C-alpha atoms as a PDB file:
ATOM      1  CA  MET A   1    -107.874  57.300 128.610  1.00  0.00           C
ATOM      2  CA  THR A   2    -110.681  56.933 126.266  1.00  0.00           C
ATOM      3  CA  HIS A   3    -111.669  58.431 122.809  1.00  0.00           C
ATOM      4  CA  SER A   4    -114.987  57.615 122.914  1.00  0.00           C
ATOM      5  CA  MET A   5    -115.905  60.560 120.398  1.00  0.00           C
ATOM      6  CA  TYR A   6    -113.788  60.343 118.145  1.00  0.00           C
ATOM      7  CA  THR A   7    -115.043  56.588 117.612  1.00  0.00           C
ATOM      8  CA  GLN A   8    -117.841  57.035 118.128  1.00  0.00           C
ATOM      9  CA  SER A   9    -117.753  59.507 115.077  1.00  0.00           C
ATOM     10  CA  VAL A  10    -114.612  59.459 113.084  1.00  0.00           C
ATOM     11  CA  PRO A  11    -114.933  55.705 111.872  1.00  0.00           C
ATOM     12  CA  VAL A  12    -118.653  56.062 111.162  1.00  0.00           C
ATOM     13  CA  PHE A  13    -118.200  59.880 109.472  1.00  0.00           C
ATOM     14  CA  LYS A  14    -115.201  57.211 107.266  1.00  0.00           C
ATOM     15  CA  GLN A  15    -117.179  54.601 106.055  1.00  0.00           C
ATOM     16  CA  MET A  16    -120.383  57.064 105.405  1.00  0.00           C
ATOM     17  CA  LEU A  17    -118.633  59.363 103.105  1.00  0.00           C
ATOM     18  CA  THR A  18    -116.518  55.329 101.522  1.00  0.00           C
ATOM     19  CA  ALA A  19    -120.014  53.972 101.184  1.00  0.00           C
ATOM     20  CA  LEU A  20    -121.447  56.939  99.628  1.00  0.00           C
ATOM     21  CA  LYS A  21    -117.872  57.197  97.061  1.00  0.00           C
ATOM     22  CA  ALA A  22    -119.300  53.933  95.390  1.00  0.00           C
ATOM     23  CA  ILE A  23    -122.630  54.864  95.179  1.00  0.00           C
ATOM     24  CA  LEU A  24    -121.427  57.679  93.640  1.00  0.00           C
ATOM     25  CA  ALA A  25    -119.121  56.091  91.455  1.00  0.00           C
ATOM     26  CA  GLN A  26    -121.626  53.505  90.571  1.00  0.00           C
ATOM     27  CA  ALA A  27    -124.701  56.761  89.601  1.00  0.00           C
ATOM     28  CA  ASP A  28    -122.040  57.943  87.130  1.00  0.00           C
ATOM     29  CA  ALA A  29    -120.656  54.554  85.437  1.00  0.00           C
ATOM     30  CA  HIS A  30    -124.682  54.001  84.773  1.00  0.00           C
ATOM     31  CA  ALA A  31    -125.377  57.006  84.174  1.00  0.00           C
ATOM     32  CA  ALA A  32    -122.863  56.298  80.959  1.00  0.00           C
ATOM     33  CA  GLU A  33    -124.267  53.125  80.309  1.00  0.00           C
ATOM     34  CA  LYS A  34    -127.756  54.426  79.844  1.00  0.00           C
ATOM     35  CA  ASN A  35    -126.970  57.615  77.917  1.00  0.00           C
ATOM     36  CA  ILE A  36    -128.799  59.334  80.706  1.00  0.00           C
ATOM     37  CA  GLU A  37    -127.177  63.060  80.803  1.00  0.00           C
ATOM     38  CA  PRO A  38    -125.822  62.901  84.940  1.00  0.00           C
ATOM     39  CA  ASP A  39    -127.907  66.464  85.744  1.00  0.00           C
ATOM     40  CA  ALA A  40    -131.476  64.245  85.641  1.00  0.00           C
ATOM     41  CA  LEU A  41    -128.392  62.076  88.684  1.00  0.00           C
ATOM     42  CA  LEU A  42    -127.986  65.196  90.883  1.00  0.00           C
ATOM     43  CA  GLN A  43    -130.304  66.738  90.692  1.00  0.00           C
ATOM     44  CA  ALA A  44    -132.586  64.330  91.327  1.00  0.00           C
ATOM     45  CA  ARG A  45    -134.908  64.557  94.792  1.00  0.00           C
ATOM     46  CA  LEU A  46    -136.313  62.153  96.939  1.00  0.00           C
ATOM     47  CA  PHE A  47    -139.351  64.254  97.492  1.00  0.00           C
ATOM     48  CA  PRO A  48    -140.458  67.813  96.499  1.00  0.00           C
ATOM     49  CA  ASP A  49    -138.818  69.355  99.435  1.00  0.00           C
ATOM     50  CA  MET A  50    -135.892  67.773  99.885  1.00  0.00           C
ATOM     51  CA  PHE A  51    -132.295  69.225  98.346  1.00  0.00           C
ATOM     52  CA  PRO A  52    -131.371  66.926  95.220  1.00  0.00           C
ATOM     53  CA  LEU A  53    -128.754  64.461  95.255  1.00  0.00           C
ATOM     54  CA  LEU A  54    -125.296  67.645  94.742  1.00  0.00           C
ATOM     55  CA  LYS A  55    -126.549  69.347  97.570  1.00  0.00           C
ATOM     56  CA  GLN A  56    -127.186  66.437  99.956  1.00  0.00           C
ATOM     57  CA  VAL A  57    -123.788  64.754  98.881  1.00  0.00           C
ATOM     58  CA  GLN A  58    -121.960  68.318  99.763  1.00  0.00           C
ATOM     59  CA  VAL A  59    -123.791  68.228 103.345  1.00  0.00           C
ATOM     60  CA  ALA A  60    -123.158  65.120 103.818  1.00  0.00           C
ATOM     61  CA  SER A  61    -119.817  66.006 103.707  1.00  0.00           C
ATOM     62  CA  ASP A  62    -119.990  69.614 105.468  1.00  0.00           C
ATOM     63  CA  PHE A  63    -121.893  67.944 108.436  1.00  0.00           C
ATOM     64  CA  ALA A  64    -118.580  64.960 109.083  1.00  0.00           C
ATOM     65  CA  ARG A  65    -115.818  67.861 108.339  1.00  0.00           C
ATOM     66  CA  GLY A  66    -117.760  70.257 110.087  1.00  0.00           C
ATOM     67  CA  ILE A  67    -118.790  68.166 113.691  1.00  0.00           C
ATOM     68  CA  SER A  68    -115.496  65.437 113.638  1.00  0.00           C
ATOM     69  CA  ALA A  69    -113.619  69.176 113.721  1.00  0.00           C
ATOM     70  CA  ARG A  70    -115.400  71.304 116.899  1.00  0.00           C
ATOM     71  CA  LEU A  71    -115.798  68.432 118.305  1.00  0.00           C
ATOM     72  CA  ALA A  72    -111.501  68.063 117.261  1.00  0.00           C
ATOM     73  CA  GLY A  73    -110.898  71.464 118.746  1.00  0.00           C
ATOM     74  CA  VAL A  74    -109.726  72.404 115.344  1.00  0.00           C
ATOM     75  CA  GLU A  75    -110.502  75.469 112.286  1.00  0.00           C
ATOM     76  CA  VAL A  76    -113.553  74.081 110.797  1.00  0.00           C
ATOM     77  CA  PRO A  77    -112.448  73.332 106.700  1.00  0.00           C
ATOM     78  CA  VAL A  78    -114.187  75.451 103.670  1.00  0.00           C
ATOM     79  CA  TYR A  79    -114.011  74.148 101.385  1.00  0.00           C
ATOM     80  CA  GLU A  80    -116.368  76.087  98.541  1.00  0.00           C
ATOM     81  CA  GLY A  81    -119.188  74.505  97.091  1.00  0.00           C
ATOM     82  CA  ALA A  82    -118.662  74.581  94.333  1.00  0.00           C
ATOM     83  CA  GLU A  83    -119.412  70.964  92.674  1.00  0.00           C
ATOM     84  CA  ARG A  84    -121.393  69.851  89.554  1.00  0.00           C
ATOM     85  CA  SER A  85    -120.467  67.138  88.072  1.00  0.00           C
ATOM     86  CA  PHE A  86    -119.930  63.108  89.824  1.00  0.00           C
ATOM     87  CA  ALA A  87    -115.869  63.372  88.996  1.00  0.00           C
ATOM     88  CA  ASP A  88    -117.004  66.995  91.250  1.00  0.00           C
ATOM     89  CA  LEU A  89    -118.477  65.603  94.581  1.00  0.00           C
ATOM     90  CA  ASP A  90    -115.045  62.339  94.648  1.00  0.00           C
ATOM     91  CA  ALA A  91    -113.223  64.862  94.989  1.00  0.00           C
ATOM     92  CA  LEU A  92    -115.392  66.908  97.916  1.00  0.00           C
ATOM     93  CA  LEU A  93    -114.889  63.381  98.741  1.00  0.00           C
ATOM     94  CA  THR A  94    -111.865  62.448  98.926  1.00  0.00           C
ATOM     95  CA  ARG A  95    -110.405  65.843  99.809  1.00  0.00           C
ATOM     96  CA  THR A  96    -113.315  65.158 102.869  1.00  0.00           C
ATOM     97  CA  LEU A  97    -111.462  61.403 103.820  1.00  0.00           C
ATOM     98  CA  ASP A  98    -108.004  63.659 104.228  1.00  0.00           C
ATOM     99  CA  PHE A  99    -108.866  65.652 106.863  1.00  0.00           C
ATOM    100  CA  LEU A 100    -111.000  62.848 109.225  1.00  0.00           C
ATOM    101  CA  ASP A 101    -107.463  61.038 108.723  1.00  0.00           C
ATOM    102  CA  VAL A 102    -105.939  64.270 109.961  1.00  0.00           C
ATOM    103  CA  VAL A 103    -107.859  64.900 113.090  1.00  0.00           C
ATOM    104  CA  ARG A 104    -106.045  61.779 116.046  1.00  0.00           C
ATOM    105  CA  PRO A 105    -108.608  60.275 118.917  1.00  0.00           C
ATOM    106  CA  GLU A 106    -106.434  62.912 120.693  1.00  0.00           C
ATOM    107  CA  GLN A 107    -107.504  66.096 119.777  1.00  0.00           C
ATOM    108  CA  PHE A 108    -110.973  64.911 121.543  1.00  0.00           C
ATOM    109  CA  GLU A 109    -109.878  63.969 125.166  1.00  0.00           C
ATOM    110  CA  ASP A 110    -112.559  67.385 126.280  1.00  0.00           C
ATOM    111  CA  SER A 111    -115.171  66.658 123.459  1.00  0.00           C
ATOM    112  CA  ALA A 112    -117.565  65.886 125.365  1.00  0.00           C
ATOM    113  CA  THR A 113    -117.216  68.837 128.033  1.00  0.00           C
ATOM    114  CA  ARG A 114    -116.220  70.967 125.431  1.00  0.00           C
ATOM    115  CA  GLU A 115    -118.793  74.147 124.231  1.00  0.00           C
ATOM    116  CA  ILE A 116    -119.325  73.796 120.517  1.00  0.00           C
ATOM    117  CA  LEU A 117    -121.846  76.986 119.351  1.00  0.00           C
ATOM    118  CA  LEU A 118    -123.733  77.064 116.171  1.00  0.00           C
ATOM    119  CA  ARG A 119    -125.827  79.914 115.126  1.00  0.00           C
ATOM    120  CA  PRO A 120    -127.045  78.849 112.209  1.00  0.00           C
ATOM    121  CA  GLY A 121    -128.730  80.893 109.363  1.00  0.00           C
ATOM    122  CA  THR A 122    -126.247  83.916 110.488  1.00  0.00           C
ATOM    123  CA  PRO A 123    -122.661  85.885 109.970  1.00  0.00           C
ATOM    124  CA  LYS A 124    -121.940  84.814 112.952  1.00  0.00           C
ATOM    125  CA  GLU A 125    -121.095  80.840 112.184  1.00  0.00           C
ATOM    126  CA  LYS A 126    -117.080  80.902 112.349  1.00  0.00           C
ATOM    127  CA  SER A 127    -116.840  77.542 115.185  1.00  0.00           C
END
């Protein structure tokens, strides 16, 4: 009995999100230390056509949560997306990591053959 879909996804998401929490904590501390308005960092973009940092973190959280839930065959937790500060993003990442702690390897048993249907950009995307 193998849980390769679990081991190749959930631990990776946990490591990524934990590292992201640490980076955001450093950015928050740096902004406070240097008297930088936090929004200057939260709204920063690496390139003009990219999402700002705040949205990038929300997308990373959504992706980790959505993929893990779909592979586990459980309901995708929906979060508001109302984060506006480093503290809000930290809370979002904590909630996402808490969810990842709940999914179990056994839930991923048939995930390699499970059909996952996405309809991005349409109101029909529910799974």
